[in-house]
Amino acid sequence: MKRILLIAALLAPVLALAAPARAGGWAVTYLDPVPRDIRPQTPYVLGFWLLQHGTHPYDGANLGEVGLRFVQGRKSVEFPGVALREPAHYAAAVSLPRGTWKVEAVQGWFAPYEIGTVTVPGSLEIDPVPADLRRAIDAQGPQEDHWGDIRPPGIPPSGIAPPARSTGGPATPSAPASPAAPPGRTAGASGDGDAGAAVTTASGESGAEAGSGWPMPYGAAAAAGLVILGGAVLVRRGRARRR
């Protein structure tokens, strides 16, 4: 039993590294300029950019479902995103009931990203990029330029990382648009809802190297294997001594 506990103690820090919240597979979503005044039950088309590591398009395959989710208490409404011509650029047609909603980006196999809060009728307030993600973005330095004239907010032609605050807040109002994507899916309640909003994590998940799709970094996986092998050796030695 003591040897089993020893093995578990050795594995704990390795497994903690093997499933990092923001180690390799994380993303940030930036909004294009949004209407100043968002009215209830009115369709709007919102553009957004899903950038791996906050700076570049996802470079793997099978990203998964992308869209915008609006959360109000125990109720959520999700609108799927449609890929546009530019890399990492999407649009979602949305229409919301009255109330205050937390806005989340659905980022495929990356964890959801908290964008901000929208009040209907009213406007959208964008949250700053979390401090740990901001540091990780800044540490990358200049990036390859993946875009032309149409590019993510805050990323100039030089490819420098976006500013500390994700953009997308008040701009010139856009005309109401007909939905360009399937209607949003509502979960948890019906009606226009006026309850408070809930908060979720903004951390990226899946500590994969960019585009690999593996749920664990190679180095962490190798370290875990070595610890397991070492534990097996300890158990065998203990059995040999008892004999």
Protein backbone atom coordinates (compact mmCIF):
# COMPACT_ATOMS: atom_id res chain seq x y z
CA MET A 1 0.00 0.00 0.00
CA LYS A 2 2.84 2.40 0.85
CA ARG A 3 4.40 1.74 -2.57
CA ILE A 4 1.09 2.50 -4.29
CA LEU A 5 0.84 5.79 -2.42
CA LEU A 6 4.44 6.59 -3.38
CA ILE A 7 3.67 5.98 -7.06
CA ALA A 8 0.55 8.16 -6.82
CA ALA A 9 2.59 10.94 -5.22
CA LEU A 10 5.15 10.76 -8.01
CA LEU A 11 2.47 10.79 -10.71
CA ALA A 12 0.49 13.74 -9.33
CA PRO A 13 2.79 16.58 -10.44
CA VAL A 14 3.44 14.93 -13.81
CA LEU A 15 -0.26 14.53 -14.55
CA ALA A 16 -0.81 18.11 -13.47
CA LEU A 17 1.61 19.15 -16.18
CA ALA A 18 0.04 16.74 -18.65
CA ALA A 19 -3.31 18.55 -18.48
CA PRO A 20 -2.35 22.21 -18.31
CA ALA A 21 -5.08 24.83 -18.45
CA ARG A 22 -3.25 27.00 -20.94
CA ALA A 23 -0.04 25.22 -21.87
CA GLY A 24 -0.17 24.52 -25.59
CA GLY A 25 -3.74 24.32 -26.84
CA TRP A 26 -5.52 27.58 -26.10
CA ALA A 27 -7.18 30.27 -28.15
CA VAL A 28 -8.60 33.78 -27.85
CA THR A 29 -11.60 35.17 -29.73
CA TYR A 30 -11.71 38.84 -30.79
CA LEU A 31 -14.89 40.50 -32.03
CA ASP A 32 -15.24 42.77 -35.03
CA PRO A 33 -16.94 46.11 -34.23
CA VAL A 34 -20.47 45.53 -32.96
CA PRO A 35 -23.59 47.74 -32.98
CA ARG A 36 -23.79 50.48 -30.36
CA ASP A 37 -27.38 49.61 -29.54
CA ILE A 38 -28.49 45.98 -29.44
CA ARG A 39 -32.25 45.58 -29.43
CA PRO A 40 -34.24 42.53 -28.28
CA GLN A 41 -35.45 39.99 -30.82
CA THR A 42 -33.50 41.79 -33.57
CA PRO A 43 -31.11 39.88 -35.84
CA TYR A 44 -27.47 41.00 -36.06
CA VAL A 45 -24.49 39.45 -37.79
CA LEU A 46 -21.39 39.50 -35.55
CA GLY A 47 -17.94 38.87 -36.95
CA PHE A 48 -15.23 37.32 -34.81
CA TRP A 49 -11.68 35.96 -35.07
CA LEU A 50 -10.62 32.73 -33.37
CA LEU A 51 -6.85 32.90 -32.94
CA GLN A 52 -4.75 30.07 -31.54
CA HIS A 53 -2.37 31.42 -28.87
CA GLY A 54 -4.16 34.75 -29.43
CA THR A 55 -2.06 35.56 -32.50
CA HIS A 56 -2.52 33.18 -35.45
CA PRO A 57 -5.11 30.97 -37.18
CA TYR A 58 -5.56 27.41 -35.97
CA ASP A 59 -3.03 25.33 -37.90
CA GLY A 60 -4.45 21.87 -37.28
CA ALA A 61 -7.35 19.90 -38.72
CA ASN A 62 -10.89 19.29 -37.46
CA LEU A 63 -11.17 22.29 -35.17
CA GLY A 64 -14.79 21.43 -34.41
CA GLU A 65 -17.82 23.63 -33.81
CA VAL A 66 -17.27 27.38 -33.69
CA GLY A 67 -19.81 29.98 -32.64
CA LEU A 68 -21.09 32.43 -30.02
CA ARG A 69 -22.87 31.40 -26.83
CA PHE A 70 -24.94 33.70 -24.63
CA VAL A 71 -25.49 32.61 -21.03
CA GLN A 72 -28.09 33.95 -18.63
CA GLY A 73 -28.34 32.08 -15.35
CA ARG A 74 -29.16 28.47 -16.20
CA LYS A 75 -30.21 29.31 -19.74
CA SER A 76 -27.92 29.49 -22.76
CA VAL A 77 -28.46 30.34 -26.41
CA GLU A 78 -25.85 29.32 -28.97
CA PHE A 79 -25.43 30.55 -32.53
CA PRO A 80 -23.09 28.66 -34.90
CA GLY A 81 -20.33 30.49 -36.72
CA VAL A 82 -19.83 30.42 -40.49
CA ALA A 83 -16.29 30.58 -41.86
CA LEU A 84 -15.52 33.68 -43.93
CA ARG A 85 -12.83 34.09 -46.60
CA GLU A 86 -10.11 35.30 -44.24
CA PRO A 87 -8.21 32.76 -42.12
CA ALA A 88 -9.70 32.40 -38.62
CA HIS A 89 -12.56 34.79 -39.46
CA TYR A 90 -16.17 33.78 -38.72
CA ALA A 91 -19.62 35.31 -38.55
CA ALA A 92 -22.69 34.36 -36.53
CA ALA A 93 -26.24 35.64 -36.95
CA VAL A 94 -27.66 36.30 -33.49
CA SER A 95 -30.95 37.45 -32.00
CA LEU A 96 -31.41 37.78 -28.24
CA PRO A 97 -34.27 38.27 -25.80
CA ARG A 98 -34.20 40.98 -23.16
CA GLY A 99 -31.78 40.61 -20.29
CA THR A 100 -28.11 40.57 -19.39
CA TRP A 101 -26.05 37.82 -21.02
CA LYS A 102 -22.50 36.60 -20.62
CA VAL A 103 -20.93 36.23 -24.07
CA GLU A 104 -18.70 33.22 -24.72
CA ALA A 105 -16.88 32.07 -27.83
CA VAL A 106 -17.29 28.41 -28.73
CA GLN A 107 -13.79 27.53 -29.94
CA GLY A 108 -13.93 23.98 -31.28
CA TRP A 109 -11.84 21.65 -29.12
CA PHE A 110 -10.32 24.67 -27.37
CA ALA A 111 -12.10 25.63 -24.16
CA PRO A 112 -14.73 28.40 -24.42
CA TYR A 113 -13.45 31.94 -24.13
CA GLU A 114 -15.30 34.65 -22.18
CA ILE A 115 -15.73 37.71 -24.39
CA GLY A 116 -17.79 40.00 -22.17
CA THR A 117 -21.34 40.93 -21.19
CA VAL A 118 -24.18 42.22 -23.34
CA THR A 119 -27.27 44.01 -22.04
CA VAL A 120 -30.39 43.80 -24.24
CA PRO A 121 -31.53 46.44 -24.94
CA GLY A 122 -28.16 48.07 -24.58
CA SER A 123 -24.57 47.44 -25.57
CA LEU A 124 -21.75 44.91 -25.31
CA GLU A 125 -18.98 45.38 -22.74
CA ILE A 126 -15.75 43.58 -23.72
CA ASP A 127 -13.66 41.96 -20.98
CA PRO A 128 -9.87 42.43 -21.00
CA VAL A 129 -7.77 39.49 -22.08
CA PRO A 130 -6.89 37.53 -18.89
CA ALA A 131 -3.49 38.51 -17.52
CA ASP A 132 -1.88 35.09 -17.95
CA LEU A 133 -2.99 34.88 -21.58
CA ARG A 134 -1.83 38.46 -22.14
CA ARG A 135 1.65 37.54 -20.90
CA ALA A 136 1.71 34.46 -23.12
CA ILE A 137 0.68 36.55 -26.13
CA ASP A 138 3.30 39.21 -25.47
CA ALA A 139 6.01 36.59 -25.02
CA GLN A 140 5.50 35.36 -28.60
CA GLY A 141 6.71 38.59 -30.16
CA PRO A 142 6.08 39.42 -33.84
CA GLN A 143 4.09 36.83 -35.77
CA GLU A 144 3.74 35.84 -39.41
CA ASP A 145 1.19 38.01 -41.19
CA HIS A 146 -1.70 35.80 -42.32
CA TRP A 147 -4.03 38.55 -43.57
CA GLY A 148 -4.45 41.35 -46.07
CA ASP A 149 -6.52 44.49 -45.59
CA ILE A 150 -9.16 42.60 -43.62
CA ARG A 151 -7.51 41.43 -40.41
CA PRO A 152 -8.21 40.84 -36.71
CA PRO A 153 -8.75 43.97 -34.59
CA GLY A 154 -5.51 45.32 -33.15
CA ILE A 155 -3.16 43.26 -35.32
CA PRO A 156 -1.26 45.57 -37.70
CA PRO A 157 0.40 44.39 -40.92
CA SER A 158 3.61 43.71 -39.01
CA GLY A 159 1.85 40.87 -37.21
CA ILE A 160 2.40 42.23 -33.69
CA ALA A 161 0.15 40.70 -31.04
CA PRO A 162 -3.22 42.39 -30.29
CA PRO A 163 -3.62 44.96 -27.49
CA ALA A 164 -4.31 43.96 -23.90
CA ARG A 165 -8.01 44.62 -24.30
CA SER A 166 -9.82 42.64 -26.98
CA THR A 167 -11.68 44.96 -29.30
CA GLY A 168 -15.14 44.76 -30.73
CA GLY A 169 -16.94 47.25 -28.48
CA PRO A 170 -19.09 50.12 -29.56
CA ALA A 171 -18.82 51.06 -33.21
CA THR A 172 -21.15 52.43 -35.85
CA PRO A 173 -24.45 50.55 -35.64
CA SER A 174 -25.02 48.03 -38.37
CA ALA A 175 -28.37 47.54 -40.01
CA PRO A 176 -30.37 44.53 -38.76
CA ALA A 177 -29.56 41.53 -40.91
CA SER A 178 -31.37 38.36 -41.75
CA PRO A 179 -29.77 35.29 -40.16
CA ALA A 180 -26.99 33.87 -42.32
CA ALA A 181 -26.74 30.74 -40.20
CA PRO A 182 -29.17 28.27 -38.60
CA PRO A 183 -31.20 29.61 -35.66
CA GLY A 184 -29.59 29.53 -32.22
CA ARG A 185 -30.25 26.58 -29.94
CA THR A 186 -31.77 27.41 -26.57
CA ALA A 187 -31.13 25.23 -23.52
CA GLY A 188 -32.59 25.34 -20.03
CA ALA A 189 -35.63 27.60 -20.42
CA SER A 190 -37.99 29.29 -22.83
CA GLY A 191 -39.29 32.82 -23.24
CA ASP A 192 -37.30 36.02 -23.37
CA GLY A 193 -35.79 35.61 -19.86
CA ASP A 194 -34.57 38.43 -17.65
CA ALA A 195 -32.48 36.50 -15.11
CA GLY A 196 -28.87 37.18 -14.13
CA ALA A 197 -25.88 35.76 -15.97
CA ALA A 198 -23.43 33.00 -15.12
CA VAL A 199 -19.64 33.01 -15.49
CA THR A 200 -17.49 30.26 -16.99
CA THR A 201 -13.76 29.69 -17.37
CA ALA A 202 -11.80 31.48 -20.06
CA SER A 203 -8.88 29.09 -20.04
CA GLY A 204 -7.84 27.08 -23.10
CA GLU A 205 -7.71 23.35 -22.71
CA SER A 206 -5.99 20.39 -24.33
CA GLY A 207 -2.28 20.92 -23.78
CA ALA A 208 -1.38 19.88 -27.30
CA GLU A 209 1.34 21.32 -29.40
CA ALA A 210 -0.17 23.56 -32.04
CA GLY A 211 -2.32 21.55 -34.40
CA SER A 212 -1.33 18.15 -33.10
CA GLY A 213 -4.68 17.28 -31.59
CA TRP A 214 -3.05 15.26 -28.79
CA PRO A 215 -4.55 15.84 -25.34
CA MET A 216 -1.13 15.70 -23.62
CA PRO A 217 2.22 17.31 -24.51
CA TYR A 218 4.78 14.76 -25.70
CA GLY A 219 7.26 15.68 -22.95
CA ALA A 220 4.65 15.27 -20.21
CA ALA A 221 3.50 11.96 -21.68
CA ALA A 222 7.07 10.65 -21.73
CA ALA A 223 7.65 11.77 -18.16
CA ALA A 224 4.45 10.07 -17.03
CA GLY A 225 5.59 6.86 -18.72
CA LEU A 226 8.93 6.97 -16.93
CA VAL A 227 7.27 7.50 -13.56
CA ILE A 228 4.89 4.59 -14.15
CA LEU A 229 7.82 2.38 -15.21
CA GLY A 230 9.77 3.40 -12.11
CA GLY A 231 6.79 2.56 -9.93
CA ALA A 232 6.53 -0.87 -11.47
CA VAL A 233 10.21 -1.49 -10.72
CA LEU A 234 9.68 -0.52 -7.06
CA VAL A 235 6.78 -2.95 -6.76
CA ARG A 236 8.80 -5.78 -8.30
CA ARG A 237 11.74 -5.15 -5.98
CA GLY A 238 9.41 -5.20 -2.99
CA ARG A 239 7.98 -8.54 -4.03
CA ALA A 240 11.48 -9.96 -4.60
CA ARG A 241 12.52 -8.95 -1.07
CA ARG A 242 9.52 -10.65 0.47
CA ARG A 243 10.48 -13.86 -1.31
